[in-house]
Amino acid sequence: MIAKSQVLLSVAPGVYINPLEREDFDPESEYVLLDEKGLRSLGVGPEQCKTLARLDHCGLIKIHSITPRRRLLDLATWRAHLEAVREDPEFWEKPHMRRRWRIACLAV
């Protein structure tokens, strides 16, 4: 059996993605539309829209609103966030990150 930490990345507290099952979008893309297809390409489901909004509120990723119901995720910030949590398995255990996440949860 493979340990969860070897395969899955904790993109947010309690939210894991399999980095091997993501990024089926154009590697040259700078943005991905956060619709059903775009979310699936990131390896997250539609139920994780609030999680992405909270990550944006924390300043860990950048989401641009192009209309009231359409948003674009800046892929450079998404990739940087994935790299940060990959490099530091204790990323979400740090007190300052927990505090930022709690504030984002209250705001979004």
Protein backbone atom coordinates (compact mmCIF):
# COMPACT_ATOMS: atom_id res chain seq x y z
CA MET A 1 0.00 0.00 0.00
CA ILE A 2 1.29 3.48 -0.91
CA ALA A 3 1.22 6.10 1.82
CA LYS A 4 -1.03 9.10 1.17
CA SER A 5 1.87 11.54 1.59
CA GLN A 6 3.83 9.79 -1.20
CA VAL A 7 1.09 10.22 -3.80
CA LEU A 8 -1.20 13.05 -2.69
CA LEU A 9 -0.42 16.71 -2.08
CA SER A 10 -2.21 18.66 0.62
CA VAL A 11 -3.25 21.77 -1.31
CA ALA A 12 -5.27 22.98 1.69
CA PRO A 13 -6.01 21.55 5.13
CA GLY A 14 -7.91 18.32 4.52
CA VAL A 15 -7.86 18.72 0.71
CA TYR A 16 -5.57 16.42 -1.23
CA ILE A 17 -4.94 16.04 -4.95
CA ASN A 18 -3.02 13.43 -6.87
CA PRO A 19 -0.38 15.42 -8.78
CA LEU A 20 -0.17 12.62 -11.35
CA GLU A 21 -3.84 13.08 -12.30
CA ARG A 22 -3.74 16.80 -12.97
CA GLU A 23 -2.71 19.26 -15.64
CA ASP A 24 -4.40 17.85 -18.71
CA PHE A 25 -4.59 21.42 -20.05
CA ASP A 26 -2.18 22.99 -22.50
CA PRO A 27 1.24 23.25 -20.76
CA GLU A 28 1.75 26.61 -22.50
CA SER A 29 -1.37 28.05 -20.84
CA GLU A 30 -1.03 30.86 -18.36
CA TYR A 31 -4.60 30.59 -17.05
CA VAL A 32 -7.33 27.99 -16.68
CA LEU A 33 -11.03 28.78 -16.60
CA LEU A 34 -12.53 27.58 -13.33
CA ASP A 35 -15.42 25.69 -14.87
CA GLU A 36 -16.06 21.96 -14.52
CA LYS A 37 -13.46 21.03 -17.14
CA GLY A 38 -10.86 23.43 -15.73
CA LEU A 39 -11.34 22.18 -12.18
CA ARG A 40 -11.02 18.59 -13.36
CA SER A 41 -7.78 19.50 -15.16
CA LEU A 42 -6.41 20.76 -11.84
CA GLY A 43 -7.34 17.55 -10.09
CA VAL A 44 -10.07 19.13 -7.95
CA GLY A 45 -13.82 18.81 -8.10
CA PRO A 46 -16.52 21.47 -8.28
CA GLU A 47 -17.01 21.13 -4.53
CA GLN A 48 -13.54 22.67 -4.06
CA CYS A 49 -14.38 26.11 -5.47
CA LYS A 50 -14.47 27.57 -1.95
CA THR A 51 -11.09 25.99 -1.23
CA LEU A 52 -9.60 27.75 -4.25
CA ALA A 53 -11.22 31.03 -3.19
CA ARG A 54 -9.70 30.60 0.27
CA LEU A 55 -6.26 29.89 -1.20
CA ASP A 56 -6.67 33.10 -3.21
CA HIS A 57 -7.66 34.99 -0.06
CA CYS A 58 -4.54 33.62 1.66
CA GLY A 59 -2.44 34.99 -1.19
CA LEU A 60 -1.18 31.54 -2.16
CA ILE A 61 -2.79 31.52 -5.63
CA LYS A 62 -4.27 34.24 -7.81
CA ILE A 63 -7.79 34.08 -9.24
CA HIS A 64 -9.04 36.76 -11.63
CA SER A 65 -12.77 37.47 -11.96
CA ILE A 66 -13.58 38.14 -15.59
CA THR A 67 -17.36 38.27 -15.05
CA PRO A 68 -19.40 37.72 -11.88
CA ARG A 69 -19.59 33.96 -12.61
CA ARG A 70 -16.41 33.29 -14.57
CA ARG A 71 -12.99 33.15 -13.02
CA LEU A 72 -9.49 32.42 -14.28
CA LEU A 73 -6.79 30.78 -12.19
CA ASP A 74 -3.24 32.01 -12.75
CA LEU A 75 -1.40 28.74 -13.38
CA ALA A 76 1.99 30.11 -12.35
CA THR A 77 0.65 30.74 -8.84
CA TRP A 78 -1.05 27.31 -8.77
CA ARG A 79 2.19 25.57 -9.79
CA ALA A 80 4.18 27.58 -7.23
CA HIS A 81 1.70 26.58 -4.50
CA LEU A 82 1.92 22.89 -5.46
CA GLU A 83 5.70 23.09 -5.40
CA ALA A 84 5.63 24.73 -1.95
CA VAL A 85 3.44 22.00 -0.44
CA ARG A 86 5.47 19.31 -2.22
CA GLU A 87 8.74 20.65 -0.78
CA ASP A 88 7.35 21.12 2.73
CA PRO A 89 5.06 18.30 3.93
CA GLU A 90 4.45 20.31 7.12
CA PHE A 91 3.29 23.39 5.17
CA TRP A 92 -0.18 23.48 6.77
CA GLU A 93 1.10 22.62 10.26
CA LYS A 94 2.95 25.90 10.67
CA PRO A 95 1.10 28.28 13.03
CA HIS A 96 1.19 31.25 10.62
CA MET A 97 -0.29 29.13 7.81
CA ARG A 98 -3.01 27.76 10.09
CA ARG A 99 -3.84 31.33 11.12
CA ARG A 100 -3.99 32.51 7.47
CA TRP A 101 -6.26 29.57 6.62
CA ARG A 102 -8.62 30.26 9.55
CA ILE A 103 -8.92 33.90 8.49
CA ALA A 104 -9.65 32.83 4.88
CA CYS A 105 -12.31 30.39 6.12
CA LEU A 106 -14.07 33.20 7.96
CA ALA A 107 -13.84 35.54 4.96
CA VAL A 108 -14.91 33.17 2.17
